[in-house]
PDB file of N, CA and C in Angstrom:
ATOM      1  N   UNK A   1      -1.096 -18.890  -3.585  1.00  0.00           N
ATOM      2  CA  UNK A   1      -2.575 -18.207  -2.390  1.00  0.00           C
ATOM      3  C   UNK A   1      -3.329 -18.332  -3.560  1.00  0.00           C
ATOM      4  N   UNK A   2      -4.502 -18.552  -2.973  1.00  0.00           N
ATOM      5  CA  UNK A   2      -5.974 -18.869  -3.741  1.00  0.00           C
ATOM      6  C   UNK A   2      -6.424 -18.204  -3.961  1.00  0.00           C
ATOM      7  N   UNK A   3      -7.909 -18.545  -5.058  1.00  0.00           N
ATOM      8  CA  UNK A   3      -8.669 -18.110  -5.527  1.00  0.00           C
ATOM      9  C   UNK A   3      -8.754 -16.461  -5.006  1.00  0.00           C
ATOM     10  N   UNK A   4      -9.922 -17.048  -3.966  1.00  0.00           N
ATOM     11  CA  UNK A   4     -10.455 -16.447  -2.372  1.00  0.00           C
ATOM     12  C   UNK A   4      -9.051 -15.289  -2.769  1.00  0.00           C
ATOM     13  N   UNK A   5      -7.514 -16.026  -1.665  1.00  0.00           N
ATOM     14  CA  UNK A   5      -7.203 -14.524  -1.211  1.00  0.00           C
ATOM     15  C   UNK A   5      -6.401 -13.812  -1.802  1.00  0.00           C
ATOM     16  N   UNK A   6      -6.697 -13.452  -3.063  1.00  0.00           N
ATOM     17  CA  UNK A   6      -6.263 -12.634  -3.965  1.00  0.00           C
ATOM     18  C   UNK A   6      -7.733 -12.344  -4.334  1.00  0.00           C
ATOM     19  N   UNK A   7      -9.149 -12.628  -4.740  1.00  0.00           N
ATOM     20  CA  UNK A   7      -9.878 -12.024  -4.259  1.00  0.00           C
ATOM     21  C   UNK A   7     -10.203 -10.805  -3.503  1.00  0.00           C
ATOM     22  N   UNK A   8      -9.696 -11.355  -2.361  1.00  0.00           N
ATOM     23  CA  UNK A   8      -9.348 -10.261  -0.779  1.00  0.00           C
ATOM     24  C   UNK A   8      -8.766  -9.901  -1.009  1.00  0.00           C
ATOM     25  N   UNK A   9      -7.914  -9.239  -1.520  1.00  0.00           N
ATOM     26  CA  UNK A   9      -6.924  -8.611  -1.850  1.00  0.00           C
ATOM     27  C   UNK A   9      -7.293  -7.879  -2.707  1.00  0.00           C
ATOM     28  N   UNK A  10      -7.135  -8.156  -3.881  1.00  0.00           N
ATOM     29  CA  UNK A  10      -8.489  -7.571  -5.107  1.00  0.00           C
ATOM     30  C   UNK A  10      -9.096  -5.925  -4.417  1.00  0.00           C
ATOM     31  N   UNK A  11     -10.212  -6.910  -3.858  1.00  0.00           N
ATOM     32  CA  UNK A  11     -11.034  -6.267  -2.761  1.00  0.00           C
ATOM     33  C   UNK A  11     -10.365  -5.508  -2.478  1.00  0.00           C
ATOM     34  N   UNK A  12      -9.533  -5.479  -1.180  1.00  0.00           N
ATOM     35  CA  UNK A  12      -9.630  -4.874  -0.450  1.00  0.00           C
ATOM     36  C   UNK A  12      -8.233  -3.301  -0.670  1.00  0.00           C
ATOM     37  N   UNK A  13      -7.708  -3.577  -1.749  1.00  0.00           N
ATOM     38  CA  UNK A  13      -6.974  -2.524  -3.075  1.00  0.00           C
ATOM     39  C   UNK A  13      -8.196  -1.168  -3.205  1.00  0.00           C
ATOM     40  N   UNK A  14      -9.149  -2.162  -3.115  1.00  0.00           N
ATOM     41  CA  UNK A  14     -10.216  -1.977  -3.699  1.00  0.00           C
ATOM     42  C   UNK A  14     -11.009  -0.566  -2.894  1.00  0.00           C
ATOM     43  N   UNK A  15     -11.367  -0.697  -1.375  1.00  0.00           N
ATOM     44  CA  UNK A  15     -11.361  -0.546  -0.102  1.00  0.00           C
ATOM     45  C   UNK A  15     -10.620   0.908  -0.013  1.00  0.00           C
ATOM     46  N   UNK A  16      -9.191   0.610  -0.323  1.00  0.00           N
ATOM     47  CA  UNK A  16      -7.671   1.657   0.287  1.00  0.00           C
ATOM     48  C   UNK A  16      -7.731   2.143  -0.417  1.00  0.00           C
ATOM     49  N   UNK A  17      -8.539   1.866  -2.004  1.00  0.00           N
ATOM     50  CA  UNK A  17      -8.054   3.202  -2.639  1.00  0.00           C
ATOM     51  C   UNK A  17      -8.995   4.450  -2.160  1.00  0.00           C
ATOM     52  N   UNK A  18     -10.238   3.788  -2.655  1.00  0.00           N
ATOM     53  CA  UNK A  18     -11.534   4.258  -1.947  1.00  0.00           C
ATOM     54  C   UNK A  18     -11.274   5.060  -0.425  1.00  0.00           C
ATOM     55  N   UNK A  19     -10.520   4.766   0.152  1.00  0.00           N
ATOM     56  CA  UNK A  19     -10.111   5.982   1.810  1.00  0.00           C
ATOM     57  C   UNK A  19      -9.861   6.413   1.286  1.00  0.00           C
ATOM     58  N   UNK A  20      -8.000   6.884   0.121  1.00  0.00           N
ATOM     59  CA  UNK A  20      -7.862   6.813   0.397  1.00  0.00           C
ATOM     60  C   UNK A  20      -7.691   7.959  -0.565  1.00  0.00           C
ATOM     61  N   UNK A  21      -7.998   8.402  -1.173  1.00  0.00           N
ATOM     62  CA  UNK A  21      -9.361   8.799  -1.987  1.00  0.00           C
ATOM     63  C   UNK A  21     -10.269  10.073  -0.683  1.00  0.00           C
ATOM     64  N   UNK A  22     -10.941   9.872  -0.119  1.00  0.00           N
ATOM     65  CA  UNK A  22     -11.704  10.124   1.048  1.00  0.00           C
ATOM     66  C   UNK A  22     -11.175  10.904   1.742  1.00  0.00           C
ATOM     67  N   UNK A  23      -9.163  10.433   2.133  1.00  0.00           N
ATOM     68  CA  UNK A  23      -9.088  11.223   2.814  1.00  0.00           C
ATOM     69  C   UNK A  23      -7.978  12.156   2.364  1.00  0.00           C
ATOM     70  N   UNK A  24      -8.137  12.612   1.018  1.00  0.00           N
ATOM     71  CA  UNK A  24      -7.426  13.703   0.504  1.00  0.00           C
ATOM     72  C   UNK A  24      -6.293  13.355  -0.621  1.00  0.00           C
ATOM     73  N   UNK A  25      -5.896  12.155  -0.894  1.00  0.00           N
ATOM     74  CA  UNK A  25      -4.922  11.383  -0.991  1.00  0.00           C
ATOM     75  C   UNK A  25      -5.132  10.922  -3.011  1.00  0.00           C
ATOM     76  N   UNK A  26      -4.712  11.501  -3.966  1.00  0.00           N
ATOM     77  CA  UNK A  26      -5.151  11.436  -5.559  1.00  0.00           C
ATOM     78  C   UNK A  26      -3.468  10.160  -5.485  1.00  0.00           C
ATOM     79  N   UNK A  27      -4.839   9.070  -6.005  1.00  0.00           N
ATOM     80  CA  UNK A  27      -4.607   8.066  -6.560  1.00  0.00           C
ATOM     81  C   UNK A  27      -3.654   8.150  -8.031  1.00  0.00           C
ATOM     82  N   UNK A  28      -2.138   7.650  -8.639  1.00  0.00           N
ATOM     83  CA  UNK A  28      -1.207   7.892  -8.411  1.00  0.00           C
ATOM     84  C   UNK A  28      -1.137   7.314 -10.467  1.00  0.00           C
ATOM     85  N   UNK A  29      -0.369   5.552  -9.391  1.00  0.00           N
ATOM     86  CA  UNK A  29      -0.908   4.112 -10.199  1.00  0.00           C
ATOM     87  C   UNK A  29      -1.248   3.304  -8.675  1.00  0.00           C
ATOM     88  N   UNK A  30      -1.877   1.751  -9.760  1.00  0.00           N
ATOM     89  CA  UNK A  30      -1.772   1.309  -9.571  1.00  0.00           C
ATOM     90  C   UNK A  30      -1.626   0.186 -10.074  1.00  0.00           C
ATOM     91  N   UNK A  31      -1.341  -0.823  -8.958  1.00  0.00           N
ATOM     92  CA  UNK A  31      -0.324  -2.345  -9.527  1.00  0.00           C
ATOM     93  C   UNK A  31       0.304  -2.283  -9.622  1.00  0.00           C
ATOM     94  N   UNK A  32       1.914  -1.777  -9.729  1.00  0.00           N
ATOM     95  CA  UNK A  32       3.112  -0.883 -10.956  1.00  0.00           C
ATOM     96  C   UNK A  32       3.795  -2.295 -10.508  1.00  0.00           C
ATOM     97  N   UNK A  33       4.186  -2.854 -11.342  1.00  0.00           N
ATOM     98  CA  UNK A  33       5.210  -4.065 -11.542  1.00  0.00           C
ATOM     99  C   UNK A  33       6.597  -4.198 -11.913  1.00  0.00           C
ATOM    100  N   UNK A  34       7.765  -4.643 -10.964  1.00  0.00           N
ATOM    101  CA  UNK A  34       8.586  -4.288 -11.632  1.00  0.00           C
ATOM    102  C   UNK A  34       9.011  -5.854 -11.817  1.00  0.00           C
ATOM    103  N   UNK A  35      10.477  -6.381 -12.329  1.00  0.00           N
ATOM    104  CA  UNK A  35      11.234  -7.445 -11.720  1.00  0.00           C
ATOM    105  C   UNK A  35      11.175  -8.221 -10.748  1.00  0.00           C
ATOM    106  N   UNK A  36      11.433  -6.412 -10.037  1.00  0.00           N
ATOM    107  CA  UNK A  36      11.890  -6.389  -8.423  1.00  0.00           C
ATOM    108  C   UNK A  36      10.776  -6.691  -7.039  1.00  0.00           C
ATOM    109  N   UNK A  37       9.673  -6.059  -8.297  1.00  0.00           N
ATOM    110  CA  UNK A  37       8.669  -6.092  -7.661  1.00  0.00           C
ATOM    111  C   UNK A  37       7.286  -5.500  -7.717  1.00  0.00           C
ATOM    112  N   UNK A  38       5.913  -5.161  -6.522  1.00  0.00           N
ATOM    113  CA  UNK A  38       4.946  -4.383  -7.022  1.00  0.00           C
ATOM    114  C   UNK A  38       4.839  -3.265  -5.837  1.00  0.00           C
ATOM    115  N   UNK A  39       4.635  -2.510  -6.487  1.00  0.00           N
ATOM    116  CA  UNK A  39       3.957  -1.374  -5.789  1.00  0.00           C
ATOM    117  C   UNK A  39       2.053  -1.482  -6.085  1.00  0.00           C
ATOM    118  N   UNK A  40       1.845  -1.430  -4.948  1.00  0.00           N
ATOM    119  CA  UNK A  40      -0.004  -1.510  -4.753  1.00  0.00           C
ATOM    120  C   UNK A  40      -0.500  -0.201  -4.831  1.00  0.00           C
ATOM    121  N   UNK A  41       0.099   0.944  -4.433  1.00  0.00           N
ATOM    122  CA  UNK A  41      -0.436   2.036  -4.523  1.00  0.00           C
ATOM    123  C   UNK A  41       0.481   2.924  -4.493  1.00  0.00           C
ATOM    124  N   UNK A  42       0.331   3.783  -5.467  1.00  0.00           N
ATOM    125  CA  UNK A  42       1.311   5.087  -5.469  1.00  0.00           C
ATOM    126  C   UNK A  42      -0.170   6.631  -4.861  1.00  0.00           C
ATOM    127  N   UNK A  43       0.131   7.094  -4.102  1.00  0.00           N
ATOM    128  CA  UNK A  43      -1.316   8.645  -3.992  1.00  0.00           C
ATOM    129  C   UNK A  43       0.584  10.111  -3.775  1.00  0.00           C
ATOM    130  N   UNK A  44      -0.189  10.624  -4.037  1.00  0.00           N
ATOM    131  CA  UNK A  44       0.133  12.175  -3.787  1.00  0.00           C
ATOM    132  C   UNK A  44      -0.321  12.496  -2.282  1.00  0.00           C
ATOM    133  N   UNK A  45      -0.276  13.111  -1.641  1.00  0.00           N
ATOM    134  CA  UNK A  45      -0.929  14.479  -0.662  1.00  0.00           C
ATOM    135  C   UNK A  45       0.172  15.118  -0.316  1.00  0.00           C
ATOM    136  N   UNK A  46      -1.158  16.231  -0.425  1.00  0.00           N
ATOM    137  CA  UNK A  46       0.175  17.605  -0.332  1.00  0.00           C
ATOM    138  C   UNK A  46       1.225  17.742  -1.067  1.00  0.00           C
ATOM    139  N   UNK A  47       1.850  17.453  -2.414  1.00  0.00           N
ATOM    140  CA  UNK A  47       2.240  17.320  -2.429  1.00  0.00           C
ATOM    141  C   UNK A  47       4.232  15.732  -2.672  1.00  0.00           C
ATOM    142  N   UNK A  48       3.302  15.658  -1.157  1.00  0.00           N
ATOM    143  CA  UNK A  48       4.263  14.267  -0.968  1.00  0.00           C
ATOM    144  C   UNK A  48       3.896  13.310  -1.644  1.00  0.00           C
ATOM    145  N   UNK A  49       4.890  11.607  -1.994  1.00  0.00           N
ATOM    146  CA  UNK A  49       4.635  11.222  -3.143  1.00  0.00           C
ATOM    147  C   UNK A  49       4.590  10.049  -1.662  1.00  0.00           C
ATOM    148  N   UNK A  50       4.228   8.806  -2.084  1.00  0.00           N
ATOM    149  CA  UNK A  50       3.592   7.904  -0.957  1.00  0.00           C
ATOM    150  C   UNK A  50       3.683   6.519  -1.638  1.00  0.00           C
ATOM    151  N   UNK A  51       4.494   5.959  -1.536  1.00  0.00           N
ATOM    152  CA  UNK A  51       3.401   4.211  -1.500  1.00  0.00           C
ATOM    153  C   UNK A  51       3.052   3.232  -0.186  1.00  0.00           C
ATOM    154  N   UNK A  52       2.070   3.242  -1.120  1.00  0.00           N
ATOM    155  CA  UNK A  52       1.218   2.267  -0.396  1.00  0.00           C
ATOM    156  C   UNK A  52       1.555   1.361  -0.618  1.00  0.00           C
ATOM    157  N   UNK A  53       1.215  -0.017   0.977  1.00  0.00           N
ATOM    158  CA  UNK A  53       1.271  -0.987   1.087  1.00  0.00           C
ATOM    159  C   UNK A  53      -0.087  -1.503   1.502  1.00  0.00           C
ATOM    160  N   UNK A  54      -0.517  -2.541   0.078  1.00  0.00           N
ATOM    161  CA  UNK A  54      -2.172  -2.883   1.015  1.00  0.00           C
ATOM    162  C   UNK A  54      -2.151  -3.982   2.008  1.00  0.00           C
ATOM    163  N   UNK A  55      -2.851  -4.856   2.968  1.00  0.00           N
ATOM    164  CA  UNK A  55      -2.695  -5.847   3.235  1.00  0.00           C
ATOM    165  C   UNK A  55      -3.908  -6.040   3.778  1.00  0.00           C
ATOM    166  N   UNK A  56      -4.937  -7.251   3.419  1.00  0.00           N
ATOM    167  CA  UNK A  56      -5.681  -7.362   3.457  1.00  0.00           C
ATOM    168  C   UNK A  56      -6.189  -8.413   4.714  1.00  0.00           C
ATOM    169  N   UNK A  57      -6.852  -8.667   5.037  1.00  0.00           N
ATOM    170  CA  UNK A  57      -6.300 -10.051   5.550  1.00  0.00           C
ATOM    171  C   UNK A  57      -8.467 -10.049   6.164  1.00  0.00           C
ATOM    172  N   UNK A  58      -8.961 -11.525   6.842  1.00  0.00           N
ATOM    173  CA  UNK A  58     -10.545 -11.823   6.687  1.00  0.00           C
ATOM    174  C   UNK A  58      -9.595 -11.693   8.206  1.00  0.00           C
ATOM    175  N   UNK A  59      -8.946 -11.928   9.722  1.00  0.00           N
ATOM    176  CA  UNK A  59      -9.215 -12.217  10.321  1.00  0.00           C
ATOM    177  C   UNK A  59      -7.377 -12.176  10.865  1.00  0.00           C
ATOM    178  N   UNK A  60      -6.523 -11.435  11.998  1.00  0.00           N
ATOM    179  CA  UNK A  60      -6.087 -11.593  12.272  1.00  0.00           C
ATOM    180  C   UNK A  60      -5.151 -12.984  13.273  1.00  0.00           C
ATOM    181  N   UNK A  61      -6.114 -13.924  13.207  1.00  0.00           N
ATOM    182  CA  UNK A  61      -5.797 -15.687  13.601  1.00  0.00           C
ATOM    183  C   UNK A  61      -4.151 -15.602  13.749  1.00  0.00           C
ATOM    184  N   UNK A  62      -3.864 -15.175  12.573  1.00  0.00           N
ATOM    185  CA  UNK A  62      -2.117 -15.859  12.167  1.00  0.00           C
ATOM    186  C   UNK A  62      -1.573 -14.250  12.500  1.00  0.00           C
ATOM    187  N   UNK A  63      -1.593 -13.514  12.833  1.00  0.00           N
ATOM    188  CA  UNK A  63      -1.105 -12.309  13.055  1.00  0.00           C
ATOM    189  C   UNK A  63      -1.534 -11.312  12.367  1.00  0.00           C
ATOM    190  N   UNK A  64      -1.473 -10.280  12.787  1.00  0.00           N
ATOM    191  CA  UNK A  64      -1.638  -8.914  12.308  1.00  0.00           C
ATOM    192  C   UNK A  64      -1.061  -8.816  10.758  1.00  0.00           C
ATOM    193  N   UNK A  65      -1.761  -8.143   9.753  1.00  0.00           N
ATOM    194  CA  UNK A  65      -1.607  -7.622   8.983  1.00  0.00           C
ATOM    195  C   UNK A  65      -0.090  -6.528   9.419  1.00  0.00           C
ATOM    196  N   UNK A  66      -0.253  -6.353   9.586  1.00  0.00           N
ATOM    197  CA  UNK A  66       1.134  -5.458   9.425  1.00  0.00           C
ATOM    198  C   UNK A  66       2.300  -5.816   9.791  1.00  0.00           C
ATOM    199  N   UNK A  67       1.846  -6.979  11.056  1.00  0.00           N
ATOM    200  CA  UNK A  67       2.975  -8.062  11.310  1.00  0.00           C
ATOM    201  C   UNK A  67       3.779  -8.600  10.760  1.00  0.00           C
ATOM    202  N   UNK A  68       3.216  -8.458   8.954  1.00  0.00           N
ATOM    203  CA  UNK A  68       3.595  -9.311   7.576  1.00  0.00           C
ATOM    204  C   UNK A  68       4.648  -8.153   7.283  1.00  0.00           C
ATOM    205  N   UNK A  69       4.719  -6.888   7.748  1.00  0.00           N
ATOM    206  CA  UNK A  69       6.128  -6.040   6.684  1.00  0.00           C
ATOM    207  C   UNK A  69       6.867  -5.715   7.768  1.00  0.00           C
ATOM    208  N   UNK A  70       8.063  -6.570   7.716  1.00  0.00           N
ATOM    209  CA  UNK A  70       9.294  -6.550   8.422  1.00  0.00           C
ATOM    210  C   UNK A  70      10.081  -5.639   7.382  1.00  0.00           C
ATOM    211  N   UNK A  71      10.985  -4.926   8.148  1.00  0.00           N
ATOM    212  CA  UNK A  71      12.401  -4.231   8.032  1.00  0.00           C
ATOM    213  C   UNK A  71      13.409  -3.632   6.132  1.00  0.00           C
ATOM    214  N   UNK A  72      12.877  -5.591   5.642  1.00  0.00           N
ATOM    215  CA  UNK A  72      13.141  -4.992   3.812  1.00  0.00           C
ATOM    216  C   UNK A  72      12.401  -5.079   3.962  1.00  0.00           C
ATOM    217  N   UNK A  73      10.191  -5.827   4.595  1.00  0.00           N
ATOM    218  CA  UNK A  73       9.949  -5.296   2.989  1.00  0.00           C
ATOM    219  C   UNK A  73      10.028  -4.085   2.553  1.00  0.00           C
ATOM    220  N   UNK A  74       9.726  -3.346   4.204  1.00  0.00           N
ATOM    221  CA  UNK A  74       9.639  -1.691   4.131  1.00  0.00           C
ATOM    222  C   UNK A  74      10.980  -0.749   3.031  1.00  0.00           C
ATOM    223  N   UNK A  75      12.033  -1.526   3.116  1.00  0.00           N
ATOM    224  CA  UNK A  75      13.115  -1.287   2.521  1.00  0.00           C
ATOM    225  C   UNK A  75      12.956  -1.232   1.836  1.00  0.00           C
ATOM    226  N   UNK A  76      12.250  -3.094   0.721  1.00  0.00           N
ATOM    227  CA  UNK A  76      12.213  -3.160  -1.229  1.00  0.00           C
ATOM    228  C   UNK A  76      11.093  -2.215  -1.758  1.00  0.00           C
ATOM    229  N   UNK A  77      10.485  -1.958  -0.201  1.00  0.00           N
ATOM    230  CA  UNK A  77       9.213  -1.151  -1.416  1.00  0.00           C
ATOM    231  C   UNK A  77       9.594   0.584  -1.676  1.00  0.00           C
ATOM    232  N   UNK A  78      10.024   0.736  -0.978  1.00  0.00           N
ATOM    233  CA  UNK A  78      11.199   2.203  -0.649  1.00  0.00           C
ATOM    234  C   UNK A  78      12.291   2.422  -2.094  1.00  0.00           C
ATOM    235  N   UNK A  79      12.292   1.269  -2.108  1.00  0.00           N
ATOM    236  CA  UNK A  79      13.736   1.064  -3.543  1.00  0.00           C
ATOM    237  C   UNK A  79      12.496   0.975  -5.277  1.00  0.00           C
ATOM    238  N   UNK A  80      11.930   0.366  -5.069  1.00  0.00           N
ATOM    239  CA  UNK A  80      10.589   0.795  -6.040  1.00  0.00           C
ATOM    240  C   UNK A  80       9.964   1.704  -5.795  1.00  0.00           C
ATOM    241  N   UNK A  81       9.953   2.188  -5.174  1.00  0.00           N
ATOM    242  CA  UNK A  81       9.237   3.837  -5.271  1.00  0.00           C
ATOM    243  C   UNK A  81       9.870   4.467  -5.705  1.00  0.00           C
ATOM    244  N   UNK A  82      11.371   4.708  -5.238  1.00  0.00           N
ATOM    245  CA  UNK A  82      12.065   5.356  -5.646  1.00  0.00           C
ATOM    246  C   UNK A  82      12.253   4.534  -7.734  1.00  0.00           C
ATOM    247  N   UNK A  83      12.917   3.755  -7.799  1.00  0.00           N
ATOM    248  CA  UNK A  83      12.090   2.809  -9.393  1.00  0.00           C
ATOM    249  C   UNK A  83      11.876   4.404  -9.623  1.00  0.00           C
ATOM    250  N   UNK A  84      10.225   3.878  -9.312  1.00  0.00           N
ATOM    251  CA  UNK A  84       9.503   4.796  -9.822  1.00  0.00           C
ATOM    252  C   UNK A  84       9.419   5.972 -10.005  1.00  0.00           C
ATOM    253  N   UNK A  85       9.368   6.665  -9.012  1.00  0.00           N
ATOM    254  CA  UNK A  85       9.856   7.820  -9.580  1.00  0.00           C
ATOM    255  C   UNK A  85      11.001   8.104 -10.413  1.00  0.00           C
ATOM    256  N   UNK A  86      11.617   7.333 -10.678  1.00  0.00           N
ATOM    257  CA  UNK A  86      12.993   8.695 -11.606  1.00  0.00           C
ATOM    258  C   UNK A  86      12.025   7.583 -12.877  1.00  0.00           C
ATOM    259  N   UNK A  87      11.996   6.262 -13.358  1.00  0.00           N
ATOM    260  CA  UNK A  87      11.030   5.784 -14.563  1.00  0.00           C
ATOM    261  C   UNK A  87       9.476   7.034 -14.861  1.00  0.00           C
ATOM    262  N   UNK A  88       9.082   8.038 -13.999  1.00  0.00           N
ATOM    263  CA  UNK A  88       8.278   8.484 -14.227  1.00  0.00           C
ATOM    264  C   UNK A  88       8.319  10.520 -13.982  1.00  0.00           C
ATOM    265  N   UNK A  89       9.714  10.539 -14.289  1.00  0.00           N
ATOM    266  CA  UNK A  89      10.728  11.760 -13.983  1.00  0.00           C
ATOM    267  C   UNK A  89      10.178  12.558 -13.426  1.00  0.00           C
ATOM    268  N   UNK A  90      10.178  11.604 -11.550  1.00  0.00           N
ATOM    269  CA  UNK A  90       8.904  12.649 -10.335  1.00  0.00           C
ATOM    270  C   UNK A  90      10.362  13.067  -9.245  1.00  0.00           C
ATOM    271  N   UNK A  91       9.782  14.689  -9.112  1.00  0.00           N
ATOM    272  CA  UNK A  91      11.028  15.491  -7.818  1.00  0.00           C
ATOM    273  C   UNK A  91      10.258  15.267  -6.943  1.00  0.00           C
ATOM    274  N   UNK A  92      11.680  14.488  -6.152  1.00  0.00           N
ATOM    275  CA  UNK A  92      11.423  14.382  -4.625  1.00  0.00           C
ATOM    276  C   UNK A  92      12.010  14.281  -4.066  1.00  0.00           C
ATOM    277  N   UNK A  93      11.836  14.838  -2.587  1.00  0.00           N
ATOM    278  CA  UNK A  93      12.684  14.817  -1.115  1.00  0.00           C
ATOM    279  C   UNK A  93      12.500  13.827  -0.946  1.00  0.00           C
ATOM    280  N   UNK A  94      11.517  12.954  -0.127  1.00  0.00           N
ATOM    281  CA  UNK A  94      11.341  11.371   0.352  1.00  0.00           C
ATOM    282  C   UNK A  94      10.542  10.695  -0.166  1.00  0.00           C
ATOM    283  N   UNK A  95       9.984   9.975   0.631  1.00  0.00           N
ATOM    284  CA  UNK A  95       8.885   9.080  -0.557  1.00  0.00           C
ATOM    285  C   UNK A  95       8.462   9.236   0.939  1.00  0.00           C
ATOM    286  N   UNK A  96       7.236   8.877   1.176  1.00  0.00           N
ATOM    287  CA  UNK A  96       6.413   7.824   2.392  1.00  0.00           C
ATOM    288  C   UNK A  96       6.519   6.372   2.107  1.00  0.00           C
ATOM    289  N   UNK A  97       6.279   5.837   3.529  1.00  0.00           N
ATOM    290  CA  UNK A  97       5.933   4.565   2.990  1.00  0.00           C
ATOM    291  C   UNK A  97       4.353   4.407   3.912  1.00  0.00           C
ATOM    292  N   UNK A  98       3.525   3.450   3.004  1.00  0.00           N
ATOM    293  CA  UNK A  98       2.022   3.933   4.306  1.00  0.00           C
ATOM    294  C   UNK A  98       2.114   2.208   4.378  1.00  0.00           C
ATOM    295  N   UNK A  99       1.752   1.624   4.537  1.00  0.00           N
ATOM    296  CA  UNK A  99       1.293   0.482   5.327  1.00  0.00           C
ATOM    297  C   UNK A  99      -0.582   0.870   5.907  1.00  0.00           C
ATOM    298  N   UNK A 100      -1.150   0.020   5.313  1.00  0.00           N
ATOM    299  CA  UNK A 100      -2.770   0.166   4.949  1.00  0.00           C
ATOM    300  C   UNK A 100      -3.220  -1.660   5.172  1.00  0.00           C
ATOM    301  N   UNK A 101      -3.553  -1.851   6.381  1.00  0.00           N
ATOM    302  CA  UNK A 101      -4.026  -3.110   6.884  1.00  0.00           C
ATOM    303  C   UNK A 101      -5.337  -3.103   6.937  1.00  0.00           C
ATOM    304  N   UNK A 102      -6.297  -3.387   5.901  1.00  0.00           N
ATOM    305  CA  UNK A 102      -7.171  -4.062   5.640  1.00  0.00           C
ATOM    306  C   UNK A 102      -8.262  -5.106   5.931  1.00  0.00           C
ATOM    307  N   UNK A 103      -9.020  -5.463   7.197  1.00  0.00           N
ATOM    308  CA  UNK A 103      -9.618  -6.782   7.718  1.00  0.00           C
ATOM    309  C   UNK A 103     -11.271  -6.345   7.676  1.00  0.00           C
ATOM    310  N   UNK A 104     -11.338  -8.035   7.168  1.00  0.00           N
ATOM    311  CA  UNK A 104     -12.592  -7.755   7.032  1.00  0.00           C
ATOM    312  C   UNK A 104     -13.462  -8.398   8.345  1.00  0.00           C
ATOM    313  N   UNK A 105     -14.423  -7.711   8.825  1.00  0.00           N
ATOM    314  CA  UNK A 105     -15.334  -8.464   9.714  1.00  0.00           C
ATOM    315  C   UNK A 105     -16.629  -7.912   9.171  1.00  0.00           C
ATOM    316  N   UNK A 106     -17.658  -8.666   9.560  1.00  0.00           N
ATOM    317  CA  UNK A 106     -19.098  -9.089   9.392  1.00  0.00           C
ATOM    318  C   UNK A 106     -19.035  -8.740   7.982  1.00  0.00           C
ATOM    319  N   UNK A 107     -19.583  -7.769   8.157  1.00  0.00           N
ATOM    320  CA  UNK A 107     -20.195  -6.646   7.195  1.00  0.00           C
ATOM    321  C   UNK A 107     -18.792  -5.834   6.133  1.00  0.00           C
ATOM    322  N   UNK A 108     -18.832  -5.245   7.297  1.00  0.00           N
ATOM    323  CA  UNK A 108     -18.353  -3.758   7.043  1.00  0.00           C
ATOM    324  C   UNK A 108     -16.062  -4.464   6.566  1.00  0.00           C
ATOM    325  N   UNK A 109     -15.576  -3.133   7.195  1.00  0.00           N
ATOM    326  CA  UNK A 109     -14.398  -3.097   6.828  1.00  0.00           C
ATOM    327  C   UNK A 109     -13.856  -2.401   7.544  1.00  0.00           C
ATOM    328  N   UNK A 110     -12.385  -2.927   8.737  1.00  0.00           N
ATOM    329  CA  UNK A 110     -11.819  -1.433   9.645  1.00  0.00           C
ATOM    330  C   UNK A 110     -10.140  -1.792   8.787  1.00  0.00           C
ATOM    331  N   UNK A 111     -10.289  -0.459   9.093  1.00  0.00           N
ATOM    332  CA  UNK A 111      -8.688  -0.051   7.779  1.00  0.00           C
ATOM    333  C   UNK A 111      -8.120   0.576   8.575  1.00  0.00           C
ATOM    334  N   UNK A 112      -6.613   0.190   8.835  1.00  0.00           N
ATOM    335  CA  UNK A 112      -5.568   0.474   9.913  1.00  0.00           C
ATOM    336  C   UNK A 112      -4.788   1.304   8.973  1.00  0.00           C
ATOM    337  N   UNK A 113      -4.836   2.780   8.916  1.00  0.00           N
ATOM    338  CA  UNK A 113      -3.678   3.239   8.133  1.00  0.00           C
ATOM    339  C   UNK A 113      -1.675   3.206   9.227  1.00  0.00           C
ATOM    340  N   UNK A 114      -1.152   2.756   9.052  1.00  0.00           N
ATOM    341  CA  UNK A 114       0.011   3.074   9.207  1.00  0.00           C
ATOM    342  C   UNK A 114       0.995   4.016   8.400  1.00  0.00           C
ATOM    343  N   UNK A 115       1.631   4.847   8.948  1.00  0.00           N
ATOM    344  CA  UNK A 115       2.537   5.970   8.003  1.00  0.00           C
ATOM    345  C   UNK A 115       3.766   6.071   8.477  1.00  0.00           C
ATOM    346  N   UNK A 116       4.755   5.946   7.719  1.00  0.00           N
ATOM    347  CA  UNK A 116       6.180   5.183   7.939  1.00  0.00           C
ATOM    348  C   UNK A 116       7.574   6.784   7.343  1.00  0.00           C
ATOM    349  N   UNK A 117       7.848   7.076   7.505  1.00  0.00           N
ATOM    350  CA  UNK A 117       8.577   8.110   6.613  1.00  0.00           C
ATOM    351  C   UNK A 117       9.880   7.903   6.244  1.00  0.00           C
ATOM    352  N   UNK A 118      10.289   7.556   5.579  1.00  0.00           N
ATOM    353  CA  UNK A 118      11.983   7.321   4.362  1.00  0.00           C
ATOM    354  C   UNK A 118      11.822   8.803   3.476  1.00  0.00           C
ATOM    355  N   UNK A 119      13.294   7.828   3.844  1.00  0.00           N
ATOM    356  CA  UNK A 119      14.487   8.141   2.892  1.00  0.00           C
ATOM    357  C   UNK A 119      14.914   8.006   2.007  1.00  0.00           C
TER     358      UNK A 119
END
């Protein structure tokens, strides 16, 4: 990954966290890592635990950000979220997996928020 892409990704995660806070989410973890993978953001919304994958792009020239999240990626995010919940002694029914697609458009950000409930 190039430095430009790393920088874009970090800024995209900041934009995502600000957006989520603006709609009432409480960010409870950022960039949680294990040997099995990473969760970009973990939030609470009305008591629901949500694992958030953030995909930041400067364009959709090579496909949309959402298209980069294939079914196995969803399953991996869900497993990581369950592991995070266990390690943090979190009681949960379901863990929702959301994907935030962040696009840099001129000097503005466009955000697509996709919600997916998993159990």
